[in-house]
Amino acid sequence: MNRPQQVPEPLTSGEVAHMLRVTPVTVARWADTGKLTSFRTPGGHRRFHRAEVEALLVPETVKRPT
């Protein structure tokens, strides 16, 4: 029997900033310029996919958007 897949909880700008050691303003700028993918909640808050953010933490792919 198949188990339902768990969808990872999206990350807030503050959580992303903490993970990447940048400011939330930098995270918002990266999202505005398309260097980091985000989506908006119905209330207008920005959210990020955990897998994409975690991929930036892998040493081979650590290329901070400029």
PDB file of N, CA and C in Angstrom:
ATOM      1  N   MET A   1       0.842  -1.174   0.000  1.00  0.00           N
ATOM      2  CA  MET A   1       0.000   0.000   0.000  1.00  0.00           C
ATOM      3  C   MET A   1       0.893   1.245   0.000  1.00  0.00           C
ATOM      4  N   ASN A   2       0.548   2.224  -0.790  1.00  0.00           N
ATOM      5  CA  ASN A   2       1.334   3.450  -0.883  1.00  0.00           C
ATOM      6  C   ASN A   2       0.989   4.403   0.247  1.00  0.00           C
ATOM      7  N   ARG A   3       2.022   5.000   0.794  1.00  0.00           N
ATOM      8  CA  ARG A   3       1.821   6.032   1.809  1.00  0.00           C
ATOM      9  C   ARG A   3       1.704   7.379   1.110  1.00  0.00           C
ATOM     10  N   PRO A   4       0.911   8.272   1.664  1.00  0.00           N
ATOM     11  CA  PRO A   4       0.846   9.610   1.061  1.00  0.00           C
ATOM     12  C   PRO A   4       2.200  10.304   1.209  1.00  0.00           C
ATOM     13  N   GLN A   5       2.603  11.010   0.169  1.00  0.00           N
ATOM     14  CA  GLN A   5       3.872  11.725   0.214  1.00  0.00           C
ATOM     15  C   GLN A   5       3.728  12.966   1.082  1.00  0.00           C
ATOM     16  N   GLN A   6       4.759  13.220   1.872  1.00  0.00           N
ATOM     17  CA  GLN A   6       4.760  14.429   2.668  1.00  0.00           C
ATOM     18  C   GLN A   6       5.353  15.553   1.839  1.00  0.00           C
ATOM     19  N   VAL A   7       4.644  16.646   1.783  1.00  0.00           N
ATOM     20  CA  VAL A   7       5.130  17.825   1.075  1.00  0.00           C
ATOM     21  C   VAL A   7       5.902  18.660   2.090  1.00  0.00           C
ATOM     22  N   PRO A   8       7.173  18.982   1.780  1.00  0.00           N
ATOM     23  CA  PRO A   8       7.940  19.767   2.741  1.00  0.00           C
ATOM     24  C   PRO A   8       7.324  21.149   2.940  1.00  0.00           C
ATOM     25  N   GLU A   9       7.385  21.600   4.158  1.00  0.00           N
ATOM     26  CA  GLU A   9       6.876  22.914   4.521  1.00  0.00           C
ATOM     27  C   GLU A   9       7.729  23.976   3.814  1.00  0.00           C
ATOM     28  N   PRO A  10       7.110  24.963   3.172  1.00  0.00           N
ATOM     29  CA  PRO A  10       7.904  26.014   2.527  1.00  0.00           C
ATOM     30  C   PRO A  10       8.611  26.877   3.573  1.00  0.00           C
ATOM     31  N   LEU A  11       9.678  27.516   3.158  1.00  0.00           N
ATOM     32  CA  LEU A  11      10.478  28.350   4.056  1.00  0.00           C
ATOM     33  C   LEU A  11      10.112  29.821   3.914  1.00  0.00           C
ATOM     34  N   THR A  12      10.216  30.554   5.005  1.00  0.00           N
ATOM     35  CA  THR A  12       9.999  31.998   4.975  1.00  0.00           C
ATOM     36  C   THR A  12      11.288  32.695   4.547  1.00  0.00           C
ATOM     37  N   SER A  13      11.189  33.968   4.230  1.00  0.00           N
ATOM     38  CA  SER A  13      12.381  34.749   3.878  1.00  0.00           C
ATOM     39  C   SER A  13      13.379  34.759   5.026  1.00  0.00           C
ATOM     40  N   GLY A  14      12.884  34.866   6.242  1.00  0.00           N
ATOM     41  CA  GLY A  14      13.766  34.864   7.410  1.00  0.00           C
ATOM     42  C   GLY A  14      14.497  33.549   7.583  1.00  0.00           C
ATOM     43  N   GLU A  15      13.799  32.447   7.352  1.00  0.00           N
ATOM     44  CA  GLU A  15      14.432  31.130   7.462  1.00  0.00           C
ATOM     45  C   GLU A  15      15.501  30.950   6.392  1.00  0.00           C
ATOM     46  N   VAL A  16      15.190  31.390   5.177  1.00  0.00           N
ATOM     47  CA  VAL A  16      16.164  31.295   4.082  1.00  0.00           C
ATOM     48  C   VAL A  16      17.383  32.158   4.401  1.00  0.00           C
ATOM     49  N   ALA A  17      17.142  33.368   4.874  1.00  0.00           N
ATOM     50  CA  ALA A  17      18.244  34.268   5.224  1.00  0.00           C
ATOM     51  C   ALA A  17      19.144  33.636   6.277  1.00  0.00           C
ATOM     52  N   HIS A  18      18.550  33.030   7.273  1.00  0.00           N
ATOM     53  CA  HIS A  18      19.323  32.375   8.334  1.00  0.00           C
ATOM     54  C   HIS A  18      20.152  31.222   7.766  1.00  0.00           C
ATOM     55  N   MET A  19      19.553  30.408   6.912  1.00  0.00           N
ATOM     56  CA  MET A  19      20.257  29.265   6.331  1.00  0.00           C
ATOM     57  C   MET A  19      21.434  29.701   5.463  1.00  0.00           C
ATOM     58  N   LEU A  20      21.243  30.783   4.709  1.00  0.00           N
ATOM     59  CA  LEU A  20      22.267  31.232   3.762  1.00  0.00           C
ATOM     60  C   LEU A  20      23.187  32.307   4.341  1.00  0.00           C
ATOM     61  N   ARG A  21      22.894  32.713   5.584  1.00  0.00           N
ATOM     62  CA  ARG A  21      23.692  33.730   6.274  1.00  0.00           C
ATOM     63  C   ARG A  21      23.737  35.047   5.511  1.00  0.00           C
ATOM     64  N   VAL A  22      22.565  35.471   5.106  1.00  0.00           N
ATOM     65  CA  VAL A  22      22.385  36.770   4.466  1.00  0.00           C
ATOM     66  C   VAL A  22      21.191  37.437   5.150  1.00  0.00           C
ATOM     67  N   THR A  23      20.881  38.654   4.760  1.00  0.00           N
ATOM     68  CA  THR A  23      19.732  39.346   5.343  1.00  0.00           C
ATOM     69  C   THR A  23      18.456  38.986   4.589  1.00  0.00           C
ATOM     70  N   PRO A  24      17.302  39.142   5.233  1.00  0.00           N
ATOM     71  CA  PRO A  24      16.037  38.925   4.519  1.00  0.00           C
ATOM     72  C   PRO A  24      15.884  39.852   3.314  1.00  0.00           C
ATOM     73  N   VAL A  25      16.457  41.038   3.385  1.00  0.00           N
ATOM     74  CA  VAL A  25      16.404  41.965   2.246  1.00  0.00           C
ATOM     75  C   VAL A  25      17.149  41.371   1.054  1.00  0.00           C
ATOM     76  N   THR A  26      18.279  40.734   1.301  1.00  0.00           N
ATOM     77  CA  THR A  26      19.036  40.083   0.228  1.00  0.00           C
ATOM     78  C   THR A  26      18.226  38.951  -0.379  1.00  0.00           C
ATOM     79  N   VAL A  27      17.571  38.162   0.460  1.00  0.00           N
ATOM     80  CA  VAL A  27      16.731  37.066  -0.037  1.00  0.00           C
ATOM     81  C   VAL A  27      15.626  37.628  -0.927  1.00  0.00           C
ATOM     82  N   ALA A  28      14.980  38.695  -0.497  1.00  0.00           N
ATOM     83  CA  ALA A  28      13.914  39.311  -1.297  1.00  0.00           C
ATOM     84  C   ALA A  28      14.467  39.830  -2.621  1.00  0.00           C
ATOM     85  N   ARG A  29      15.650  40.424  -2.597  1.00  0.00           N
ATOM     86  CA  ARG A  29      16.268  40.936  -3.824  1.00  0.00           C
ATOM     87  C   ARG A  29      16.564  39.795  -4.788  1.00  0.00           C
ATOM     88  N   TRP A  30      17.097  38.686  -4.268  1.00  0.00           N
ATOM     89  CA  TRP A  30      17.378  37.527  -5.115  1.00  0.00           C
ATOM     90  C   TRP A  30      16.090  36.993  -5.726  1.00  0.00           C
ATOM     91  N   ALA A  31      15.013  36.989  -4.957  1.00  0.00           N
ATOM     92  CA  ALA A  31      13.727  36.518  -5.480  1.00  0.00           C
ATOM     93  C   ALA A  31      13.199  37.484  -6.539  1.00  0.00           C
ATOM     94  N   ASP A  32      13.329  38.784  -6.290  1.00  0.00           N
ATOM     95  CA  ASP A  32      12.849  39.784  -7.251  1.00  0.00           C
ATOM     96  C   ASP A  32      13.584  39.704  -8.582  1.00  0.00           C
ATOM     97  N   THR A  33      14.860  39.344  -8.533  1.00  0.00           N
ATOM     98  CA  THR A  33      15.651  39.273  -9.764  1.00  0.00           C
ATOM     99  C   THR A  33      15.635  37.887 -10.394  1.00  0.00           C
ATOM    100  N   GLY A  34      14.922  36.939  -9.758  1.00  0.00           N
ATOM    101  CA  GLY A  34      14.803  35.597 -10.315  1.00  0.00           C
ATOM    102  C   GLY A  34      15.972  34.682 -10.012  1.00  0.00           C
ATOM    103  N   LYS A  35      16.856  35.105  -9.145  1.00  0.00           N
ATOM    104  CA  LYS A  35      18.011  34.269  -8.801  1.00  0.00           C
ATOM    105  C   LYS A  35      17.668  33.223  -7.755  1.00  0.00           C
ATOM    106  N   LEU A  36      16.500  33.357  -7.144  1.00  0.00           N
ATOM    107  CA  LEU A  36      15.980  32.392  -6.192  1.00  0.00           C
ATOM    108  C   LEU A  36      14.476  32.334  -6.433  1.00  0.00           C
ATOM    109  N   THR A  37      13.946  31.144  -6.605  1.00  0.00           N
ATOM    110  CA  THR A  37      12.529  30.981  -6.918  1.00  0.00           C
ATOM    111  C   THR A  37      11.693  31.106  -5.654  1.00  0.00           C
ATOM    112  N   SER A  38      10.619  31.876  -5.757  1.00  0.00           N
ATOM    113  CA  SER A  38       9.703  32.003  -4.624  1.00  0.00           C
ATOM    114  C   SER A  38       8.275  31.983  -5.141  1.00  0.00           C
ATOM    115  N   PHE A  39       7.355  31.838  -4.204  1.00  0.00           N
ATOM    116  CA  PHE A  39       5.935  31.967  -4.527  1.00  0.00           C
ATOM    117  C   PHE A  39       5.288  32.721  -3.389  1.00  0.00           C
ATOM    118  N   ARG A  40       4.096  33.217  -3.629  1.00  0.00           N
ATOM    119  CA  ARG A  40       3.398  34.027  -2.626  1.00  0.00           C
ATOM    120  C   ARG A  40       2.242  33.250  -2.019  1.00  0.00           C
ATOM    121  N   THR A  41       2.048  33.452  -0.724  1.00  0.00           N
ATOM    122  CA  THR A  41       0.897  32.875  -0.039  1.00  0.00           C
ATOM    123  C   THR A  41      -0.323  33.728  -0.379  1.00  0.00           C
ATOM    124  N   PRO A  42      -1.532  33.261  -0.072  1.00  0.00           N
ATOM    125  CA  PRO A  42      -2.715  34.099  -0.311  1.00  0.00           C
ATOM    126  C   PRO A  42      -2.634  35.447   0.417  1.00  0.00           C
ATOM    127  N   GLY A  43      -1.907  35.497   1.520  1.00  0.00           N
ATOM    128  CA  GLY A  43      -1.739  36.748   2.260  1.00  0.00           C
ATOM    129  C   GLY A  43      -0.631  37.634   1.711  1.00  0.00           C
ATOM    130  N   GLY A  44       0.059  37.176   0.649  1.00  0.00           N
ATOM    131  CA  GLY A  44       1.097  37.975   0.009  1.00  0.00           C
ATOM    132  C   GLY A  44       2.505  37.749   0.535  1.00  0.00           C
ATOM    133  N   HIS A  45       2.677  36.805   1.445  1.00  0.00           N
ATOM    134  CA  HIS A  45       4.000  36.530   1.991  1.00  0.00           C
ATOM    135  C   HIS A  45       4.782  35.622   1.048  1.00  0.00           C
ATOM    136  N   ARG A  46       6.060  35.897   0.947  1.00  0.00           N
ATOM    137  CA  ARG A  46       6.926  35.128   0.063  1.00  0.00           C
ATOM    138  C   ARG A  46       7.349  33.835   0.743  1.00  0.00           C
ATOM    139  N   ARG A  47       7.373  32.739  -0.023  1.00  0.00           N
ATOM    140  CA  ARG A  47       7.824  31.441   0.490  1.00  0.00           C
ATOM    141  C   ARG A  47       8.779  30.823  -0.523  1.00  0.00           C
ATOM    142  N   PHE A  48       9.639  29.924  -0.017  1.00  0.00           N
ATOM    143  CA  PHE A  48      10.683  29.316  -0.828  1.00  0.00           C
ATOM    144  C   PHE A  48      10.667  27.808  -0.652  1.00  0.00           C
ATOM    145  N   HIS A  49      11.070  27.097  -1.695  1.00  0.00           N
ATOM    146  CA  HIS A  49      11.136  25.638  -1.639  1.00  0.00           C
ATOM    147  C   HIS A  49      12.432  25.227  -0.943  1.00  0.00           C
ATOM    148  N   ARG A  50      12.297  24.399   0.079  1.00  0.00           N
ATOM    149  CA  ARG A  50      13.438  23.964   0.890  1.00  0.00           C
ATOM    150  C   ARG A  50      14.535  23.325   0.031  1.00  0.00           C
ATOM    151  N   ALA A  51      14.164  22.476  -0.917  1.00  0.00           N
ATOM    152  CA  ALA A  51      15.161  21.759  -1.727  1.00  0.00           C
ATOM    153  C   ALA A  51      16.046  22.727  -2.509  1.00  0.00           C
ATOM    154  N   GLU A  52      15.463  23.787  -3.043  1.00  0.00           N
ATOM    155  CA  GLU A  52      16.253  24.754  -3.810  1.00  0.00           C
ATOM    156  C   GLU A  52      17.237  25.487  -2.901  1.00  0.00           C
ATOM    157  N   VAL A  53      16.779  25.866  -1.721  1.00  0.00           N
ATOM    158  CA  VAL A  53      17.652  26.566  -0.779  1.00  0.00           C
ATOM    159  C   VAL A  53      18.758  25.631  -0.294  1.00  0.00           C
ATOM    160  N   GLU A  54      18.406  24.400   0.036  1.00  0.00           N
ATOM    161  CA  GLU A  54      19.411  23.443   0.503  1.00  0.00           C
ATOM    162  C   GLU A  54      20.440  23.141  -0.577  1.00  0.00           C
ATOM    163  N   ALA A  55      20.034  23.192  -1.847  1.00  0.00           N
ATOM    164  CA  ALA A  55      20.981  22.958  -2.943  1.00  0.00           C
ATOM    165  C   ALA A  55      22.067  24.033  -2.964  1.00  0.00           C
ATOM    166  N   LEU A  56      21.729  25.229  -2.510  1.00  0.00           N
ATOM    167  CA  LEU A  56      22.726  26.299  -2.457  1.00  0.00           C
ATOM    168  C   LEU A  56      23.759  26.063  -1.358  1.00  0.00           C
ATOM    169  N   LEU A  57      23.435  25.184  -0.425  1.00  0.00           N
ATOM    170  CA  LEU A  57      24.342  24.898   0.685  1.00  0.00           C
ATOM    171  C   LEU A  57      25.342  23.793   0.372  1.00  0.00           C
ATOM    172  N   VAL A  58      25.130  23.057  -0.711  1.00  0.00           N
ATOM    173  CA  VAL A  58      26.032  21.972  -1.097  1.00  0.00           C
ATOM    174  C   VAL A  58      27.305  22.604  -1.654  1.00  0.00           C
ATOM    175  N   PRO A  59      28.485  22.206  -1.146  1.00  0.00           N
ATOM    176  CA  PRO A  59      29.732  22.857  -1.549  1.00  0.00           C
ATOM    177  C   PRO A  59      29.950  22.985  -3.056  1.00  0.00           C
ATOM    178  N   GLU A  60      29.604  21.957  -3.834  1.00  0.00           N
ATOM    179  CA  GLU A  60      29.830  22.041  -5.283  1.00  0.00           C
ATOM    180  C   GLU A  60      28.953  23.098  -5.939  1.00  0.00           C
ATOM    181  N   THR A  61      27.831  23.413  -5.327  1.00  0.00           N
ATOM    182  CA  THR A  61      26.903  24.346  -5.963  1.00  0.00           C
ATOM    183  C   THR A  61      26.808  25.672  -5.227  1.00  0.00           C
ATOM    184  N   VAL A  62      27.698  25.908  -4.278  1.00  0.00           N
ATOM    185  CA  VAL A  62      27.616  27.168  -3.544  1.00  0.00           C
ATOM    186  C   VAL A  62      28.106  28.272  -4.454  1.00  0.00           C
ATOM    187  N   LYS A  63      27.163  28.844  -5.124  1.00  0.00           N
ATOM    188  CA  LYS A  63      27.410  29.995  -5.972  1.00  0.00           C
ATOM    189  C   LYS A  63      26.326  30.984  -5.606  1.00  0.00           C
ATOM    190  N   ARG A  64      26.632  31.830  -4.663  1.00  0.00           N
ATOM    191  CA  ARG A  64      25.632  32.790  -4.224  1.00  0.00           C
ATOM    192  C   ARG A  64      25.262  33.690  -5.386  1.00  0.00           C
ATOM    193  N   PRO A  65      23.974  33.901  -5.553  1.00  0.00           N
ATOM    194  CA  PRO A  65      23.568  34.835  -6.603  1.00  0.00           C
ATOM    195  C   PRO A  65      24.190  36.202  -6.342  1.00  0.00           C
ATOM    196  N   THR A  66      24.617  36.865  -7.395  1.00  0.00           N
ATOM    197  CA  THR A  66      25.248  38.181  -7.219  1.00  0.00           C
ATOM    198  C   THR A  66      24.363  39.276  -7.730  1.00  0.00           C
TER     199      THR A  66
END
